[in-house]
């Protein structure tokens, strides 16, 4: 990469951080935050030189596809501690091994079923909370490899209320590898692969 590439990537990351900062603004109803989030993300995908899209995709791009907003899929949840869990090692083609430490979990009810999702700590400089998941919509309505809810190392953080974590599936988004084969992304470990469908958040990109 050239110097300008590094600077552009840094700028892209900063814009993502700024988008999620606005998502966490108080006194704004969740659906309005979601609409602002979608608009800002569409603009970033359409205009930024480090967009995840190919130049050919950009020329046809108007907006990322989403399920309609549904407040049923927004939760404020306590984090339950996990101890003595083995690290998950994911080998990425460009970045080498990525180590994920399961450190906590959240429990929620979806379609009358109790569901646990594992929170991972990314073993990298500075670290960060990472919450990927798969569900019953994958392959048909959403990307087959799964989606992300949180990746605080890259700014994707929906916030907290006291000691409780905001989990809002309406903000679930595709990893970059969902858009083209140039990207290589860590996909959800078995603990977060759910059978039930979660029709909320970003849909399959065509």
C-alpha atoms as a PDB file:
ATOM      1  CA  UNK A   1       0.000   0.000   0.000  1.00  0.00           C
ATOM      2  CA  UNK A   2       1.021   3.608  -0.547  1.00  0.00           C
ATOM      3  CA  UNK A   3       1.062   6.376   2.061  1.00  0.00           C
ATOM      4  CA  UNK A   4      -2.264   7.716   0.852  1.00  0.00           C
ATOM      5  CA  UNK A   5      -3.884   4.292   1.307  1.00  0.00           C
ATOM      6  CA  UNK A   6      -2.966   4.234   4.998  1.00  0.00           C
ATOM      7  CA  UNK A   7      -4.286   7.744   5.504  1.00  0.00           C
ATOM      8  CA  UNK A   8      -7.531   6.891   3.731  1.00  0.00           C
ATOM      9  CA  UNK A   9      -8.046   3.777   5.860  1.00  0.00           C
ATOM     10  CA  UNK A  10      -7.426   5.832   9.002  1.00  0.00           C
ATOM     11  CA  UNK A  11     -10.005   8.354   7.800  1.00  0.00           C
ATOM     12  CA  UNK A  12     -12.522   5.593   7.027  1.00  0.00           C
ATOM     13  CA  UNK A  13     -12.103   4.145  10.529  1.00  0.00           C
ATOM     14  CA  UNK A  14     -12.567   7.580  12.080  1.00  0.00           C
ATOM     15  CA  UNK A  15     -15.790   8.116  10.140  1.00  0.00           C
ATOM     16  CA  UNK A  16     -17.124   4.758  11.371  1.00  0.00           C
ATOM     17  CA  UNK A  17     -16.308   5.770  14.952  1.00  0.00           C
ATOM     18  CA  UNK A  18     -18.170   9.057  14.368  1.00  0.00           C
ATOM     19  CA  UNK A  19     -21.226   7.242  12.960  1.00  0.00           C
ATOM     20  CA  UNK A  20     -21.479   5.032  16.049  1.00  0.00           C
ATOM     21  CA  UNK A  21     -20.930   8.006  18.349  1.00  0.00           C
ATOM     22  CA  UNK A  22     -24.110   9.497  16.873  1.00  0.00           C
ATOM     23  CA  UNK A  23     -25.890   6.134  17.282  1.00  0.00           C
ATOM     24  CA  UNK A  24     -25.198   6.362  21.044  1.00  0.00           C
ATOM     25  CA  UNK A  25     -26.529   9.907  21.397  1.00  0.00           C
ATOM     26  CA  UNK A  26     -29.093  10.197  24.215  1.00  0.00           C
ATOM     27  CA  UNK A  27     -32.606  11.577  23.783  1.00  0.00           C
ATOM     28  CA  UNK A  28     -32.973  10.179  20.267  1.00  0.00           C
ATOM     29  CA  UNK A  29     -35.446   7.336  19.748  1.00  0.00           C
ATOM     30  CA  UNK A  30     -33.783   4.088  18.568  1.00  0.00           C
ATOM     31  CA  UNK A  31     -35.480   3.994  15.178  1.00  0.00           C
ATOM     32  CA  UNK A  32     -34.369   7.560  14.403  1.00  0.00           C
ATOM     33  CA  UNK A  33     -30.807   6.595  15.369  1.00  0.00           C
ATOM     34  CA  UNK A  34     -31.096   3.631  12.985  1.00  0.00           C
ATOM     35  CA  UNK A  35     -32.276   5.820  10.102  1.00  0.00           C
ATOM     36  CA  UNK A  36     -29.380   8.217  10.648  1.00  0.00           C
ATOM     37  CA  UNK A  37     -26.978   5.271  10.871  1.00  0.00           C
ATOM     38  CA  UNK A  38     -28.185   3.840   7.569  1.00  0.00           C
ATOM     39  CA  UNK A  39     -27.962   7.186   5.784  1.00  0.00           C
ATOM     40  CA  UNK A  40     -24.418   7.834   7.023  1.00  0.00           C
ATOM     41  CA  UNK A  41     -23.255   4.320   6.176  1.00  0.00           C
ATOM     42  CA  UNK A  42     -24.734   4.516   2.667  1.00  0.00           C
ATOM     43  CA  UNK A  43     -22.863   7.770   2.105  1.00  0.00           C
ATOM     44  CA  UNK A  44     -19.608   6.214   3.311  1.00  0.00           C
ATOM     45  CA  UNK A  45     -20.019   3.171   1.051  1.00  0.00           C
ATOM     46  CA  UNK A  46     -20.869   5.346  -1.931  1.00  0.00           C
ATOM     47  CA  UNK A  47     -18.206   8.034  -1.636  1.00  0.00           C
ATOM     48  CA  UNK A  48     -15.179   6.895   0.356  1.00  0.00           C
ATOM     49  CA  UNK A  49     -12.091   5.672  -1.554  1.00  0.00           C
ATOM     50  CA  UNK A  50     -11.690   2.820   0.969  1.00  0.00           C
ATOM     51  CA  UNK A  51     -15.252   1.548   0.593  1.00  0.00           C
ATOM     52  CA  UNK A  52     -15.699  -2.217   0.843  1.00  0.00           C
ATOM     53  CA  UNK A  53     -17.329  -2.136  -2.597  1.00  0.00           C
ATOM     54  CA  UNK A  54     -15.600  -2.598  -5.930  1.00  0.00           C
ATOM     55  CA  UNK A  55     -15.627   0.359  -8.371  1.00  0.00           C
ATOM     56  CA  UNK A  56     -18.202  -1.512 -10.459  1.00  0.00           C
ATOM     57  CA  UNK A  57     -20.458  -1.988  -7.416  1.00  0.00           C
ATOM     58  CA  UNK A  58     -20.160   1.684  -6.492  1.00  0.00           C
ATOM     59  CA  UNK A  59     -21.511   2.817  -9.859  1.00  0.00           C
ATOM     60  CA  UNK A  60     -24.738   0.867  -9.240  1.00  0.00           C
ATOM     61  CA  UNK A  61     -24.973   1.460  -5.492  1.00  0.00           C
ATOM     62  CA  UNK A  62     -27.870   3.354  -3.916  1.00  0.00           C
ATOM     63  CA  UNK A  63     -28.248   1.890  -0.407  1.00  0.00           C
ATOM     64  CA  UNK A  64     -27.552  -1.177   1.698  1.00  0.00           C
ATOM     65  CA  UNK A  65     -30.612  -3.459   2.046  1.00  0.00           C
ATOM     66  CA  UNK A  66     -32.130  -3.839   5.516  1.00  0.00           C
ATOM     67  CA  UNK A  67     -35.081  -5.506   7.154  1.00  0.00           C
ATOM     68  CA  UNK A  68     -37.640  -2.952   8.436  1.00  0.00           C
ATOM     69  CA  UNK A  69     -36.820  -1.661  11.909  1.00  0.00           C
ATOM     70  CA  UNK A  70     -38.405  -3.811  14.633  1.00  0.00           C
ATOM     71  CA  UNK A  71     -38.067  -2.810  18.320  1.00  0.00           C
ATOM     72  CA  UNK A  72     -38.602  -6.468  19.307  1.00  0.00           C
ATOM     73  CA  UNK A  73     -34.948  -7.053  18.407  1.00  0.00           C
ATOM     74  CA  UNK A  74     -33.517  -4.374  20.713  1.00  0.00           C
ATOM     75  CA  UNK A  75     -32.301  -5.451  24.176  1.00  0.00           C
ATOM     76  CA  UNK A  76     -30.537  -3.946  27.188  1.00  0.00           C
ATOM     77  CA  UNK A  77     -28.753  -6.869  28.835  1.00  0.00           C
ATOM     78  CA  UNK A  78     -26.400  -7.633  31.728  1.00  0.00           C
ATOM     79  CA  UNK A  79     -23.089  -9.253  30.852  1.00  0.00           C
ATOM     80  CA  UNK A  80     -22.526 -12.614  32.479  1.00  0.00           C
ATOM     81  CA  UNK A  81     -18.906 -13.556  33.141  1.00  0.00           C
ATOM     82  CA  UNK A  82     -17.283 -16.510  31.378  1.00  0.00           C
ATOM     83  CA  UNK A  83     -14.187 -18.120  32.841  1.00  0.00           C
ATOM     84  CA  UNK A  84     -11.778 -20.838  31.762  1.00  0.00           C
ATOM     85  CA  UNK A  85     -12.959 -20.709  28.148  1.00  0.00           C
ATOM     86  CA  UNK A  86     -10.428 -21.567  25.487  1.00  0.00           C
ATOM     87  CA  UNK A  87      -9.350 -18.948  22.998  1.00  0.00           C
ATOM     88  CA  UNK A  88     -10.629 -19.233  19.454  1.00  0.00           C
ATOM     89  CA  UNK A  89      -7.944 -19.007  16.774  1.00  0.00           C
ATOM     90  CA  UNK A  90      -8.997 -17.810  13.334  1.00  0.00           C
ATOM     91  CA  UNK A  91      -6.455 -17.704  10.523  1.00  0.00           C
ATOM     92  CA  UNK A  92      -7.002 -14.883   8.060  1.00  0.00           C
ATOM     93  CA  UNK A  93      -5.318 -14.871   4.673  1.00  0.00           C
ATOM     94  CA  UNK A  94      -3.977 -11.321   4.906  1.00  0.00           C
ATOM     95  CA  UNK A  95      -3.678 -10.765   8.660  1.00  0.00           C
ATOM     96  CA  UNK A  96      -2.503 -14.131   9.926  1.00  0.00           C
ATOM     97  CA  UNK A  97      -3.932 -15.626  13.155  1.00  0.00           C
ATOM     98  CA  UNK A  98      -6.604 -13.696  15.059  1.00  0.00           C
ATOM     99  CA  UNK A  99      -7.175 -14.766  18.667  1.00  0.00           C
ATOM    100  CA  UNK A 100     -10.601 -14.324  20.266  1.00  0.00           C
ATOM    101  CA  UNK A 101     -11.018 -14.786  24.027  1.00  0.00           C
ATOM    102  CA  UNK A 102     -14.570 -15.644  25.192  1.00  0.00           C
ATOM    103  CA  UNK A 103     -14.969 -13.418  28.249  1.00  0.00           C
ATOM    104  CA  UNK A 104     -18.706 -12.940  28.720  1.00  0.00           C
ATOM    105  CA  UNK A 105     -22.154 -13.723  27.418  1.00  0.00           C
ATOM    106  CA  UNK A 106     -25.598 -12.183  27.140  1.00  0.00           C
ATOM    107  CA  UNK A 107     -28.877 -14.084  27.419  1.00  0.00           C
ATOM    108  CA  UNK A 108     -32.005 -12.933  25.625  1.00  0.00           C
ATOM    109  CA  UNK A 109     -35.367 -14.288  24.516  1.00  0.00           C
ATOM    110  CA  UNK A 110     -36.156 -14.560  20.797  1.00  0.00           C
ATOM    111  CA  UNK A 111     -39.404 -16.066  19.512  1.00  0.00           C
ATOM    112  CA  UNK A 112     -40.036 -17.480  22.983  1.00  0.00           C
ATOM    113  CA  UNK A 113     -36.647 -19.194  23.057  1.00  0.00           C
ATOM    114  CA  UNK A 114     -33.797 -18.390  25.450  1.00  0.00           C
ATOM    115  CA  UNK A 115     -30.611 -17.640  23.524  1.00  0.00           C
ATOM    116  CA  UNK A 116     -27.047 -17.090  24.742  1.00  0.00           C
ATOM    117  CA  UNK A 117     -24.483 -15.189  22.703  1.00  0.00           C
ATOM    118  CA  UNK A 118     -20.792 -15.181  23.552  1.00  0.00           C
ATOM    119  CA  UNK A 119     -18.832 -11.937  23.742  1.00  0.00           C
ATOM    120  CA  UNK A 120     -15.238 -12.209  22.536  1.00  0.00           C
ATOM    121  CA  UNK A 121     -12.240 -10.051  23.363  1.00  0.00           C
ATOM    122  CA  UNK A 122      -9.990  -9.512  20.355  1.00  0.00           C
ATOM    123  CA  UNK A 123      -6.421 -10.343  21.341  1.00  0.00           C
ATOM    124  CA  UNK A 124      -4.767  -7.474  19.504  1.00  0.00           C
ATOM    125  CA  UNK A 125      -3.208  -4.141  20.381  1.00  0.00           C
ATOM    126  CA  UNK A 126      -5.802  -2.258  22.442  1.00  0.00           C
ATOM    127  CA  UNK A 127      -8.268  -5.142  22.223  1.00  0.00           C
ATOM    128  CA  UNK A 128     -12.009  -4.797  21.716  1.00  0.00           C
ATOM    129  CA  UNK A 129     -15.374  -6.462  22.164  1.00  0.00           C
ATOM    130  CA  UNK A 130     -16.439  -8.593  19.221  1.00  0.00           C
ATOM    131  CA  UNK A 131     -19.915 -10.091  18.763  1.00  0.00           C
ATOM    132  CA  UNK A 132     -20.432 -12.006  15.501  1.00  0.00           C
ATOM    133  CA  UNK A 133     -23.386 -14.328  14.958  1.00  0.00           C
ATOM    134  CA  UNK A 134     -25.115 -16.592  12.474  1.00  0.00           C
ATOM    135  CA  UNK A 135     -28.844 -17.272  12.344  1.00  0.00           C
ATOM    136  CA  UNK A 136     -31.560 -18.966  10.316  1.00  0.00           C
ATOM    137  CA  UNK A 137     -31.711 -16.188   7.698  1.00  0.00           C
ATOM    138  CA  UNK A 138     -28.154 -16.826   6.472  1.00  0.00           C
ATOM    139  CA  UNK A 139     -27.839 -17.897   2.875  1.00  0.00           C
ATOM    140  CA  UNK A 140     -31.342 -16.816   1.895  1.00  0.00           C
ATOM    141  CA  UNK A 141     -32.086 -13.340   3.225  1.00  0.00           C
ATOM    142  CA  UNK A 142     -28.692 -12.502   4.720  1.00  0.00           C
ATOM    143  CA  UNK A 143     -25.034 -13.195   4.011  1.00  0.00           C
ATOM    144  CA  UNK A 144     -24.256 -16.903   4.324  1.00  0.00           C
ATOM    145  CA  UNK A 145     -21.180 -16.342   6.497  1.00  0.00           C
ATOM    146  CA  UNK A 146     -23.020 -14.478   9.254  1.00  0.00           C
ATOM    147  CA  UNK A 147     -23.130 -10.906  10.497  1.00  0.00           C
ATOM    148  CA  UNK A 148     -21.600  -8.683  13.181  1.00  0.00           C
ATOM    149  CA  UNK A 149     -23.321  -6.790  15.997  1.00  0.00           C
ATOM    150  CA  UNK A 150     -20.315  -5.328  17.796  1.00  0.00           C
ATOM    151  CA  UNK A 151     -16.679  -4.762  16.914  1.00  0.00           C
ATOM    152  CA  UNK A 152     -15.506  -2.027  19.243  1.00  0.00           C
ATOM    153  CA  UNK A 153     -11.923  -2.255  17.958  1.00  0.00           C
ATOM    154  CA  UNK A 154     -13.265  -0.721  14.730  1.00  0.00           C
ATOM    155  CA  UNK A 155     -15.841   1.561  16.353  1.00  0.00           C
ATOM    156  CA  UNK A 156     -18.960  -0.621  16.097  1.00  0.00           C
ATOM    157  CA  UNK A 157     -20.268  -0.072  19.624  1.00  0.00           C
ATOM    158  CA  UNK A 158     -23.977   0.455  20.393  1.00  0.00           C
ATOM    159  CA  UNK A 159     -23.284   1.612  23.944  1.00  0.00           C
ATOM    160  CA  UNK A 160     -24.300   0.708  27.463  1.00  0.00           C
ATOM    161  CA  UNK A 161     -26.908   1.744  29.980  1.00  0.00           C
ATOM    162  CA  UNK A 162     -25.184   1.516  33.329  1.00  0.00           C
ATOM    163  CA  UNK A 163     -23.556  -1.919  33.448  1.00  0.00           C
ATOM    164  CA  UNK A 164     -25.893  -3.323  30.791  1.00  0.00           C
ATOM    165  CA  UNK A 165     -25.011  -3.736  27.138  1.00  0.00           C
ATOM    166  CA  UNK A 166     -27.148  -2.477  24.253  1.00  0.00           C
ATOM    167  CA  UNK A 167     -27.826  -5.341  21.827  1.00  0.00           C
ATOM    168  CA  UNK A 168     -29.864  -4.189  18.836  1.00  0.00           C
ATOM    169  CA  UNK A 169     -30.082  -6.616  15.924  1.00  0.00           C
ATOM    170  CA  UNK A 170     -31.489  -3.833  13.744  1.00  0.00           C
ATOM    171  CA  UNK A 171     -27.871  -2.614  13.549  1.00  0.00           C
ATOM    172  CA  UNK A 172     -26.459  -6.032  12.565  1.00  0.00           C
ATOM    173  CA  UNK A 173     -24.151  -5.570   9.595  1.00  0.00           C
ATOM    174  CA  UNK A 174     -22.279  -7.621   7.038  1.00  0.00           C
ATOM    175  CA  UNK A 175     -18.527  -8.225   7.278  1.00  0.00           C
ATOM    176  CA  UNK A 176     -16.575  -6.747   4.386  1.00  0.00           C
ATOM    177  CA  UNK A 177     -16.139 -10.186   2.788  1.00  0.00           C
ATOM    178  CA  UNK A 178     -19.889 -10.204   2.072  1.00  0.00           C
ATOM    179  CA  UNK A 179     -19.357  -7.622  -0.677  1.00  0.00           C
ATOM    180  CA  UNK A 180     -16.415  -9.018  -2.633  1.00  0.00           C
ATOM    181  CA  UNK A 181     -13.667 -11.637  -2.433  1.00  0.00           C
ATOM    182  CA  UNK A 182     -10.951  -9.042  -1.859  1.00  0.00           C
ATOM    183  CA  UNK A 183     -11.726  -9.111   1.862  1.00  0.00           C
ATOM    184  CA  UNK A 184     -11.129 -11.867   4.427  1.00  0.00           C
ATOM    185  CA  UNK A 185     -13.074 -11.684   7.688  1.00  0.00           C
ATOM    186  CA  UNK A 186     -13.376 -13.688  10.912  1.00  0.00           C
ATOM    187  CA  UNK A 187     -16.704 -15.516  10.854  1.00  0.00           C
ATOM    188  CA  UNK A 188     -18.819 -16.499  13.884  1.00  0.00           C
ATOM    189  CA  UNK A 189     -17.453 -19.337  16.042  1.00  0.00           C
ATOM    190  CA  UNK A 190     -19.798 -22.276  16.806  1.00  0.00           C
ATOM    191  CA  UNK A 191     -21.019 -20.779  20.101  1.00  0.00           C
ATOM    192  CA  UNK A 192     -22.774 -17.981  18.210  1.00  0.00           C
ATOM    193  CA  UNK A 193     -24.293 -20.005  15.394  1.00  0.00           C
ATOM    194  CA  UNK A 194     -28.056 -19.946  15.980  1.00  0.00           C
ATOM    195  CA  UNK A 195     -30.699 -22.008  14.231  1.00  0.00           C
ATOM    196  CA  UNK A 196     -33.576 -19.561  14.664  1.00  0.00           C
ATOM    197  CA  UNK A 197     -34.028 -16.686  12.193  1.00  0.00           C
ATOM    198  CA  UNK A 198     -33.370 -13.083  13.188  1.00  0.00           C
ATOM    199  CA  UNK A 199     -35.052 -10.934  10.509  1.00  0.00           C
ATOM    200  CA  UNK A 200     -33.433  -7.656  11.544  1.00  0.00           C
ATOM    201  CA  UNK A 201     -30.434  -5.668  10.374  1.00  0.00           C
ATOM    202  CA  UNK A 202     -28.564  -5.741   7.081  1.00  0.00           C
ATOM    203  CA  UNK A 203     -29.682  -8.192   4.423  1.00  0.00           C
ATOM    204  CA  UNK A 204     -27.772  -9.954   1.647  1.00  0.00           C
ATOM    205  CA  UNK A 205     -25.970  -7.582  -0.701  1.00  0.00           C
ATOM    206  CA  UNK A 206     -26.505  -8.181  -4.420  1.00  0.00           C
END
